[in-house]
């Protein structure tokens, strides 16, 4: 249900219909992984786009240019009620085509085929939704157990003037602590080294909500929103205290290098430590109406969430996008697939830390490489799982991962406080179809069609030999 919210991908499709079918099986159930169902949905959509291009005699890039949602249509509402808030899908594709030298690649591919070498080019595009509107519980269950999405943050300044942060979600390797420190440091004019984040989440002490947790690409939206709001409260209070201490108006002050000083005479200043001393120790000198301490809590909720119904889902609240272009060399004798190029153009709105964004884009794409070429739960005719170890269930190794060429665009989200969007799952969404489209293009002289994953060497050799489906 959730994944159908963005089933139209990047395309200006006017009407959709979805039928859900439950199947009872004694095979292993699926579990959440990067993208949680969206990569397979995008795989089907982008494969159909390529098939349509062949039938219409269009270049795979041209059919996409003709049917993409245009930037002037933003914010764009999909048939299911999803709101694509910002983005420039045609420009994203243009940049990707330039990055790989698309026209020259096509000439090289055609020339290599005459020499018995089979190169293929694959294009795929995808929308990466983030921040679930948990109102889908109402649609699925008929009871409003949860609605919307929100997160909380506690920001405090200790006796020494250092900043501490506590969130309702944990940093489990995504770089949340680094990004949070950067945002707070920028707002308070200090260095990130002066900010520490407690990644331990305990509903007793954390600003915990029913929406709290690490899921649904929501950190960029509601988590950072709460951090910004709580930090602003702290900053405003510290400015008021500094104004009192310096006998100036708040609008005569500025923050610089861990101090609050006069905007005209920077020598006239008080440090964060001195302000903390007033707030925590010298409380009888506090200005009238100010409470002791320097600790603020804030909760932020996405402003466009509404209660879904059976015709209008509005299930995801931010929408990033990316285009992948893959070039492969397929050895028709061995079935081995070699990556010659892998280009990604990604738009996740405003980037706080480009290094983390790059790591997320590449890391999630590697998940797609594994799903496309290697990972498979193999059962025998009795239903016995054969791929029970990593000797049998293959994963990408460093030597098998392509060298990625990465470029970014920034279409800020108007509904998040910093203009940020989701970034954690984007690479896994277009990658399956991009690789499959490239392999099918390489094997076009044999009439081979890719209809399933993973595309293993055994499947390639059999398909080439029999000129049939993979």
Protein backbone atom coordinates (compact mmCIF):
# COMPACT_ATOMS: atom_id res chain seq x y z
CA UNK A 1 0.00 0.00 0.00
CA UNK A 2 2.73 2.46 0.99
CA UNK A 3 4.85 1.81 -2.07
CA UNK A 4 2.03 2.37 -4.54
CA UNK A 5 1.99 6.02 -3.44
CA UNK A 6 4.89 6.75 -5.83
CA UNK A 7 4.14 4.08 -8.42
CA UNK A 8 4.14 6.69 -11.23
CA UNK A 9 7.82 7.41 -10.59
CA UNK A 10 9.05 10.57 -12.33
CA UNK A 11 6.31 10.47 -14.95
CA UNK A 12 3.29 12.65 -15.65
CA UNK A 13 0.79 9.79 -15.50
CA UNK A 14 -2.83 10.88 -15.11
CA UNK A 15 -4.48 7.74 -13.74
CA UNK A 16 -3.41 4.62 -11.86
CA UNK A 17 -5.03 1.50 -10.52
CA UNK A 18 -3.52 -0.89 -8.01
CA UNK A 19 -4.69 -4.30 -6.92
CA UNK A 20 -3.09 -5.92 -3.89
CA UNK A 21 -2.75 -9.70 -3.73
CA UNK A 22 -1.64 -11.66 -0.69
CA UNK A 23 0.06 -15.00 -1.26
CA UNK A 24 0.58 -17.77 1.28
CA UNK A 25 3.99 -19.40 0.94
CA UNK A 26 6.21 -21.67 2.98
CA UNK A 27 9.33 -19.94 1.69
CA UNK A 28 11.18 -17.35 3.71
CA UNK A 29 9.39 -14.01 4.18
CA UNK A 30 10.94 -10.77 3.00
CA UNK A 31 12.23 -8.22 5.47
CA UNK A 32 12.89 -4.51 5.28
CA UNK A 33 16.00 -3.54 3.36
CA UNK A 34 17.21 -0.37 1.71
CA UNK A 35 14.24 0.93 -0.23
CA UNK A 36 11.68 -1.42 1.35
CA UNK A 37 9.76 -2.56 -1.74
CA UNK A 38 10.34 0.51 -3.87
CA UNK A 39 13.30 -0.83 -5.93
CA UNK A 40 11.18 -3.68 -7.34
CA UNK A 41 8.33 -1.29 -8.11
CA UNK A 42 10.69 1.08 -9.95
CA UNK A 43 12.22 -1.94 -11.70
CA UNK A 44 8.87 -2.86 -13.23
CA UNK A 45 8.04 0.74 -14.17
CA UNK A 46 11.40 1.54 -15.76
CA UNK A 47 11.53 -1.76 -17.63
CA UNK A 48 8.10 -0.96 -19.10
CA UNK A 49 9.34 2.48 -20.16
CA UNK A 50 12.22 0.87 -22.06
CA UNK A 51 9.88 -1.65 -23.68
CA UNK A 52 7.59 1.18 -24.74
CA UNK A 53 10.56 3.05 -26.23
CA UNK A 54 11.48 0.03 -28.35
CA UNK A 55 7.91 -0.41 -29.55
CA UNK A 56 7.62 3.28 -30.48
CA UNK A 57 11.08 3.48 -32.04
CA UNK A 58 12.25 6.08 -29.54
CA UNK A 59 15.57 6.44 -27.76
CA UNK A 60 15.23 5.47 -24.06
CA UNK A 61 16.24 9.00 -23.10
CA UNK A 62 13.73 10.64 -25.46
CA UNK A 63 10.70 8.76 -24.12
CA UNK A 64 11.67 9.86 -20.64
CA UNK A 65 12.12 13.50 -21.63
CA UNK A 66 8.66 13.47 -23.21
CA UNK A 67 6.90 11.98 -20.21
CA UNK A 68 8.73 13.33 -17.15
CA UNK A 69 6.93 15.69 -14.80
CA UNK A 70 8.22 19.15 -15.75
CA UNK A 71 9.68 21.57 -13.18
CA UNK A 72 6.96 24.12 -13.92
CA UNK A 73 4.38 21.51 -12.80
CA UNK A 74 5.83 21.44 -9.28
CA UNK A 75 4.35 20.97 -6.76
CA UNK A 76 2.87 18.04 -8.65
CA UNK A 77 0.05 15.89 -7.29
CA UNK A 78 0.04 12.26 -8.42
CA UNK A 79 -3.19 10.32 -9.07
CA UNK A 80 -2.93 8.83 -5.57
CA UNK A 81 -2.61 12.23 -3.86
CA UNK A 82 1.15 12.23 -3.36
CA UNK A 83 2.66 15.73 -3.55
CA UNK A 84 6.00 15.96 -5.38
CA UNK A 85 7.13 19.22 -3.84
CA UNK A 86 10.13 20.12 -6.03
CA UNK A 87 12.56 18.75 -8.58
CA UNK A 88 13.80 19.07 -12.15
CA UNK A 89 13.64 15.57 -13.60
CA UNK A 90 14.52 16.52 -17.22
CA UNK A 91 17.61 18.44 -16.12
CA UNK A 92 18.67 15.52 -13.93
CA UNK A 93 18.57 13.24 -16.98
CA UNK A 94 20.37 15.81 -19.14
CA UNK A 95 23.20 16.03 -16.63
CA UNK A 96 23.50 12.25 -16.50
CA UNK A 97 23.64 11.98 -20.30
CA UNK A 98 26.38 14.62 -20.39
CA UNK A 99 28.27 12.90 -17.58
CA UNK A 100 28.63 9.66 -19.56
CA UNK A 101 28.91 11.18 -23.04
CA UNK A 102 25.76 9.42 -24.20
CA UNK A 103 25.93 10.02 -27.96
CA UNK A 104 29.55 8.87 -28.15
CA UNK A 105 28.69 5.82 -26.04
CA UNK A 106 26.00 4.77 -28.49
CA UNK A 107 28.45 5.05 -31.39
CA UNK A 108 31.02 3.00 -29.48
CA UNK A 109 28.43 0.34 -28.60
CA UNK A 110 27.39 -0.07 -32.23
CA UNK A 111 31.01 -0.24 -33.41
CA UNK A 112 31.97 -2.83 -30.78
CA UNK A 113 29.10 -5.12 -31.81
CA UNK A 114 30.63 -5.44 -35.26
CA UNK A 115 33.73 -6.83 -33.54
CA UNK A 116 31.78 -9.35 -31.48
CA UNK A 117 31.83 -7.33 -28.25
CA UNK A 118 28.48 -6.69 -26.61
CA UNK A 119 28.16 -3.40 -24.79
CA UNK A 120 24.87 -2.15 -23.42
CA UNK A 121 23.58 1.16 -22.07
CA UNK A 122 20.82 1.32 -19.46
CA UNK A 123 18.90 4.34 -18.18
CA UNK A 124 16.60 4.45 -15.19
CA UNK A 125 15.01 7.20 -13.10
CA UNK A 126 13.29 7.08 -9.75
CA UNK A 127 11.58 9.12 -7.06
CA UNK A 128 12.83 8.53 -3.52
CA UNK A 129 10.06 9.22 -1.00
CA UNK A 130 10.82 10.07 2.59
CA UNK A 131 9.01 10.64 5.89
CA UNK A 132 6.00 8.36 6.03
CA UNK A 133 2.67 9.92 6.89
CA UNK A 134 1.61 7.30 9.42
CA UNK A 135 -1.97 8.14 8.64
CA UNK A 136 -1.76 5.15 6.30
CA UNK A 137 -2.61 3.09 9.38
CA UNK A 138 -6.06 4.63 9.10
CA UNK A 139 -6.37 3.55 5.47
CA UNK A 140 -5.06 0.05 6.16
CA UNK A 141 -6.78 -0.68 9.48
CA UNK A 142 -9.68 1.73 9.63
CA UNK A 143 -8.51 3.21 12.94
CA UNK A 144 -6.37 6.36 13.35
CA UNK A 145 -3.76 4.65 15.55
CA UNK A 146 -1.08 6.97 14.19
CA UNK A 147 -1.29 10.02 11.94
CA UNK A 148 1.26 12.36 10.38
CA UNK A 149 4.92 12.29 11.37
CA UNK A 150 6.91 14.22 13.92
CA UNK A 151 10.07 14.03 15.99
CA UNK A 152 11.50 15.75 19.04
CA UNK A 153 14.87 17.16 20.09
CA UNK A 154 16.35 18.39 23.34
CA UNK A 155 19.21 20.87 23.00
CA UNK A 156 21.08 22.11 26.05
CA UNK A 157 24.20 24.10 26.90
CA UNK A 158 26.21 22.76 29.84
CA UNK A 159 28.21 24.60 32.51
CA UNK A 160 31.26 24.82 30.23
CA UNK A 161 29.33 26.24 27.30
CA UNK A 162 29.28 23.05 25.26
CA UNK A 163 26.12 21.95 23.45
CA UNK A 164 24.43 18.60 24.00
CA UNK A 165 21.66 17.05 21.89
CA UNK A 166 19.19 14.27 22.56
CA UNK A 167 16.88 13.01 19.82
CA UNK A 168 14.00 10.57 19.68
CA UNK A 169 15.92 8.59 17.05
CA UNK A 170 19.32 6.94 17.19
CA UNK A 171 22.34 7.35 14.93
CA UNK A 172 22.95 3.80 13.71
CA UNK A 173 25.65 4.65 11.20
CA UNK A 174 23.91 7.11 8.88
CA UNK A 175 25.84 10.16 10.08
CA UNK A 176 23.01 11.75 12.03
CA UNK A 177 25.35 12.92 14.80
CA UNK A 178 27.70 14.57 12.32
CA UNK A 179 24.90 16.31 10.45
CA UNK A 180 23.20 17.43 13.66
CA UNK A 181 26.45 18.89 14.96
CA UNK A 182 26.95 20.79 11.70
CA UNK A 183 23.47 22.30 11.80
CA UNK A 184 23.74 23.40 15.43
CA UNK A 185 27.28 24.71 14.97
CA UNK A 186 26.13 26.82 12.04
CA UNK A 187 23.20 28.24 13.98
CA UNK A 188 25.27 29.05 17.09
CA UNK A 189 28.52 30.10 15.34
CA UNK A 190 30.61 27.44 17.08
CA UNK A 191 32.59 24.47 15.77
CA UNK A 192 30.99 21.01 15.47
CA UNK A 193 33.54 19.80 18.02
CA UNK A 194 31.59 21.73 20.65
CA UNK A 195 28.42 19.72 19.97
CA UNK A 196 27.84 16.21 21.28
CA UNK A 197 24.87 13.98 20.53
CA UNK A 198 23.63 11.21 22.77
CA UNK A 199 22.62 8.45 20.35
CA UNK A 200 21.05 6.36 23.11
CA UNK A 201 17.27 6.48 22.86
CA UNK A 202 15.22 5.85 25.98
CA UNK A 203 11.55 6.81 26.03
CA UNK A 204 11.96 7.82 29.68
CA UNK A 205 14.41 10.65 28.94
CA UNK A 206 14.31 11.12 25.15
CA UNK A 207 11.77 13.41 23.44
CA UNK A 208 9.92 10.27 22.40
CA UNK A 209 6.81 10.15 20.21
CA UNK A 210 4.87 7.36 18.59
CA UNK A 211 6.61 8.38 15.37
CA UNK A 212 10.12 8.25 16.85
CA UNK A 213 12.76 6.00 15.35
CA UNK A 214 15.10 5.45 12.44
CA UNK A 215 12.93 4.61 9.44
CA UNK A 216 11.34 6.02 6.31
CA UNK A 217 14.15 8.44 5.45
CA UNK A 218 12.67 10.92 7.92
CA UNK A 219 15.78 12.33 9.60
CA UNK A 220 16.22 15.06 6.99
CA UNK A 221 12.70 16.28 7.64
CA UNK A 222 11.20 16.01 11.10
CA UNK A 223 14.35 15.09 13.06
CA UNK A 224 16.38 18.00 11.73
CA UNK A 225 13.31 20.20 11.99
CA UNK A 226 13.11 19.50 15.72
CA UNK A 227 16.85 20.18 16.08
CA UNK A 228 16.50 23.54 14.32
CA UNK A 229 13.52 24.58 16.45
CA UNK A 230 15.14 23.59 19.76
CA UNK A 231 18.42 25.27 18.80
CA UNK A 232 16.59 28.46 17.87
CA UNK A 233 14.97 28.48 21.31
CA UNK A 234 18.39 28.10 22.95
CA UNK A 235 19.92 30.78 20.74
CA UNK A 236 17.13 33.24 21.47
CA UNK A 237 17.45 32.71 25.22
CA UNK A 238 21.23 33.08 25.14
CA UNK A 239 20.88 36.30 23.17
CA UNK A 240 18.46 37.66 25.76
CA UNK A 241 20.83 36.77 28.60
CA UNK A 242 23.82 38.23 26.76
CA UNK A 243 21.88 41.43 26.07
CA UNK A 244 21.17 41.69 29.80
CA UNK A 245 24.83 41.06 30.70
CA UNK A 246 26.20 43.52 28.12
CA UNK A 247 23.45 46.09 28.63
CA UNK A 248 22.60 46.08 24.93
CA UNK A 249 19.53 45.30 22.87
CA UNK A 250 19.28 41.83 21.33
CA UNK A 251 19.32 43.32 17.83
CA UNK A 252 22.71 44.87 18.61
CA UNK A 253 24.32 41.45 19.15
CA UNK A 254 25.82 38.72 17.00
CA UNK A 255 27.19 35.23 17.62
CA UNK A 256 30.84 34.56 16.79
CA UNK A 257 33.35 31.86 17.79
CA UNK A 258 31.53 30.62 20.89
CA UNK A 259 30.72 34.11 22.11
CA UNK A 260 27.96 36.66 21.84
CA UNK A 261 29.33 40.09 21.15
CA UNK A 262 28.37 43.57 20.12
CA UNK A 263 27.83 43.82 16.39
CA UNK A 264 29.76 47.10 16.44
CA UNK A 265 32.47 46.38 19.02
CA UNK A 266 33.44 42.69 19.14
CA UNK A 267 35.60 43.27 22.21
CA UNK A 268 32.42 43.76 24.16
CA UNK A 269 31.45 40.08 24.46
CA UNK A 270 30.46 37.25 26.77
CA UNK A 271 31.35 33.61 26.21
CA UNK A 272 28.90 30.73 26.19
CA UNK A 273 30.50 29.60 29.45
CA UNK A 274 29.80 32.96 31.08
CA UNK A 275 26.20 32.88 29.87
CA UNK A 276 25.85 29.33 31.23
CA UNK A 277 27.22 30.48 34.57
CA UNK A 278 24.46 33.07 34.79
CA UNK A 279 21.79 30.57 33.77
CA UNK A 280 22.87 27.78 36.11
CA UNK A 281 24.61 29.45 39.07
CA UNK A 282 24.00 33.17 39.39
CA UNK A 283 20.28 32.87 39.04
CA UNK A 284 19.49 35.89 41.22
CA UNK A 285 21.09 38.02 38.49
CA UNK A 286 18.81 36.65 35.78
CA UNK A 287 16.60 39.23 34.06
CA UNK A 288 13.01 39.31 35.20
CA UNK A 289 10.88 36.60 33.64
CA UNK A 290 13.78 34.34 32.65
CA UNK A 291 13.95 30.82 34.07
CA UNK A 292 17.23 29.24 35.17
CA UNK A 293 18.99 26.71 32.95
CA UNK A 294 19.78 26.37 29.26
CA UNK A 295 17.76 23.45 28.01
CA UNK A 296 15.05 23.54 25.36
CA UNK A 297 12.80 20.89 23.87
CA UNK A 298 10.99 21.12 20.55
CA UNK A 299 8.81 18.89 18.43
CA UNK A 300 8.51 19.34 14.70
CA UNK A 301 5.87 17.84 12.42
CA UNK A 302 5.75 17.91 8.64
CA UNK A 303 3.20 20.57 7.66
CA UNK A 304 1.66 18.86 4.61
CA UNK A 305 0.65 15.58 6.24
CA UNK A 306 -3.08 14.99 6.16
CA UNK A 307 -5.33 12.06 6.94
CA UNK A 308 -5.30 9.75 3.91
CA UNK A 309 -8.41 8.19 2.46
CA UNK A 310 -8.95 5.49 -0.12
CA UNK A 311 -8.62 7.94 -2.99
CA UNK A 312 -6.01 10.35 -1.67
CA UNK A 313 -3.07 8.73 0.12
CA UNK A 314 -0.48 11.50 0.70
CA UNK A 315 1.59 8.75 2.32
CA UNK A 316 5.14 10.12 1.85
CA UNK A 317 6.01 13.72 2.61
CA UNK A 318 9.31 14.48 0.80
CA UNK A 319 10.45 13.31 -2.64
CA UNK A 320 14.04 13.20 -3.87
CA UNK A 321 14.95 11.87 -7.31
CA UNK A 322 17.85 10.42 -9.25
CA UNK A 323 18.86 9.14 -12.67
CA UNK A 324 21.24 6.21 -13.18
CA UNK A 325 23.03 5.43 -16.45
CA UNK A 326 24.92 2.14 -16.64
CA UNK A 327 27.27 0.82 -19.31
CA UNK A 328 28.10 -2.89 -19.26
CA UNK A 329 30.17 -5.32 -21.29
CA UNK A 330 28.55 -8.77 -21.43
CA UNK A 331 30.73 -11.78 -22.27
CA UNK A 332 28.27 -14.04 -24.08
CA UNK A 333 30.58 -17.04 -23.68
CA UNK A 334 30.93 -16.91 -19.90
CA UNK A 335 27.87 -14.82 -19.05
CA UNK A 336 30.00 -12.44 -16.98
CA UNK A 337 28.88 -8.82 -16.77
CA UNK A 338 31.48 -6.07 -16.42
CA UNK A 339 30.66 -2.48 -15.52
CA UNK A 340 32.34 0.05 -17.80
CA UNK A 341 30.55 3.12 -16.44
CA UNK A 342 28.07 3.86 -13.70
CA UNK A 343 26.80 7.44 -13.49
CA UNK A 344 24.42 8.83 -10.88
CA UNK A 345 22.83 12.27 -10.81
CA UNK A 346 21.04 12.78 -7.52
CA UNK A 347 18.78 15.50 -6.09
CA UNK A 348 18.01 15.38 -2.38
CA UNK A 349 17.32 19.06 -1.93
CA UNK A 350 19.76 21.09 0.13
CA UNK A 351 22.85 19.13 1.16
CA UNK A 352 24.08 19.61 4.72
CA UNK A 353 27.09 17.30 4.40
CA UNK A 354 28.00 16.41 0.79
CA UNK A 355 30.32 13.64 1.95
CA UNK A 356 27.52 11.84 3.77
CA UNK A 357 25.17 12.38 0.81
CA UNK A 358 27.73 10.82 -1.53
CA UNK A 359 28.22 7.86 0.80
CA UNK A 360 24.48 7.30 1.03
CA UNK A 361 23.95 7.51 -2.74
CA UNK A 362 26.77 5.08 -3.50
CA UNK A 363 26.04 2.74 -0.59
CA UNK A 364 22.41 2.29 -1.52
CA UNK A 365 23.37 1.77 -5.17
CA UNK A 366 25.65 -1.10 -4.13
CA UNK A 367 22.57 -2.75 -2.63
CA UNK A 368 21.01 -2.52 -6.09
CA UNK A 369 24.10 -4.04 -7.72
CA UNK A 370 23.84 -7.02 -5.39
CA UNK A 371 20.13 -7.51 -6.00
CA UNK A 372 20.57 -7.19 -9.77
CA UNK A 373 23.45 -9.59 -10.30
CA UNK A 374 24.08 -11.76 -7.26
CA UNK A 375 21.59 -12.11 -4.43
CA UNK A 376 19.12 -14.98 -4.71
CA UNK A 377 17.30 -17.26 -2.29
CA UNK A 378 17.59 -20.57 -4.12
CA UNK A 379 15.28 -23.43 -3.12
CA UNK A 380 15.32 -27.02 -4.32
CA UNK A 381 12.23 -28.84 -5.59
CA UNK A 382 11.34 -29.84 -2.02
CA UNK A 383 11.31 -26.23 -0.83
CA UNK A 384 14.63 -26.56 1.00
CA UNK A 385 16.65 -23.34 1.09
CA UNK A 386 20.03 -23.92 -0.54
CA UNK A 387 21.54 -20.45 -0.15
CA UNK A 388 22.08 -20.64 3.60
CA UNK A 389 25.49 -18.98 3.94
CA UNK A 390 27.38 -16.15 2.28
CA UNK A 391 29.22 -18.80 0.29
CA UNK A 392 25.94 -19.41 -1.53
CA UNK A 393 24.08 -16.14 -1.03
CA UNK A 394 26.44 -13.87 -2.91
CA UNK A 395 27.00 -10.23 -2.00
CA UNK A 396 28.98 -7.56 -3.87
CA UNK A 397 32.66 -7.38 -2.96
CA UNK A 398 34.86 -4.31 -3.34
CA UNK A 399 36.41 -5.69 -6.53
CA UNK A 400 33.00 -6.23 -8.10
CA UNK A 401 31.57 -2.80 -7.42
CA UNK A 402 31.83 -0.29 -10.28
CA UNK A 403 33.56 3.05 -10.01
CA UNK A 404 30.73 5.53 -9.64
CA UNK A 405 30.57 8.95 -11.26
CA UNK A 406 28.36 11.12 -9.10
CA UNK A 407 26.82 14.54 -9.67
CA UNK A 408 24.28 16.43 -7.60
CA UNK A 409 21.44 18.85 -8.10
CA UNK A 410 19.67 20.82 -5.38
CA UNK A 411 15.93 21.45 -5.57
CA UNK A 412 15.16 22.57 -2.00
CA UNK A 413 12.03 21.19 -0.37
CA UNK A 414 9.66 24.03 0.56
CA UNK A 415 8.11 21.98 3.37
CA UNK A 416 11.22 21.20 5.46
CA UNK A 417 12.93 23.84 7.59
CA UNK A 418 16.29 23.48 5.85
CA UNK A 419 15.10 22.53 2.36
CA UNK A 420 16.39 18.99 2.81
CA UNK A 421 14.92 15.74 1.47
CA UNK A 422 15.52 12.01 1.81
CA UNK A 423 18.87 10.52 0.79
CA UNK A 424 19.34 7.11 2.40
CA UNK A 425 17.58 4.84 -0.09
CA UNK A 426 17.74 6.68 -3.41
CA UNK A 427 20.52 4.68 -5.03
CA UNK A 428 18.78 1.35 -4.62
CA UNK A 429 15.64 2.46 -6.48
CA UNK A 430 16.74 3.05 -10.12
CA UNK A 431 19.73 0.69 -9.99
CA UNK A 432 17.87 -2.58 -10.65
CA UNK A 433 16.25 -1.32 -13.84
CA UNK A 434 19.34 0.57 -15.03
CA UNK A 435 21.44 -2.59 -14.86
CA UNK A 436 18.71 -4.77 -16.40
CA UNK A 437 18.15 -2.26 -19.21
CA UNK A 438 21.89 -2.20 -19.91
CA UNK A 439 22.16 -6.00 -20.05
CA UNK A 440 19.13 -6.29 -22.33
CA UNK A 441 20.57 -3.60 -24.59
CA UNK A 442 23.86 -5.51 -24.79
CA UNK A 443 22.08 -8.73 -25.71
CA UNK A 444 19.65 -7.11 -28.16
CA UNK A 445 21.31 -8.88 -31.16
CA UNK A 446 20.24 -12.19 -29.60
CA UNK A 447 16.67 -11.09 -28.89
CA UNK A 448 17.14 -11.68 -25.16
CA UNK A 449 14.64 -10.07 -22.75
CA UNK A 450 15.37 -9.50 -19.07
CA UNK A 451 12.29 -10.27 -16.97
CA UNK A 452 13.72 -11.42 -13.64
CA UNK A 453 16.57 -10.85 -11.23
CA UNK A 454 19.33 -11.62 -10.43
CA UNK A 455 20.97 -11.70 -13.85
CA UNK A 456 23.48 -14.48 -13.22
CA UNK A 457 26.11 -15.75 -15.70
CA UNK A 458 24.21 -19.04 -15.96
CA UNK A 459 21.02 -17.22 -16.99
CA UNK A 460 22.89 -15.09 -19.51
CA UNK A 461 24.56 -18.05 -21.24
CA UNK A 462 21.32 -20.03 -21.34
CA UNK A 463 19.37 -17.06 -22.70
CA UNK A 464 21.95 -16.31 -25.39
CA UNK A 465 22.13 -19.96 -26.40
CA UNK A 466 18.37 -20.29 -26.61
CA UNK A 467 17.63 -16.62 -27.43
CA UNK A 468 14.97 -16.46 -24.77
CA UNK A 469 14.02 -14.62 -21.61
CA UNK A 470 16.33 -14.29 -18.63
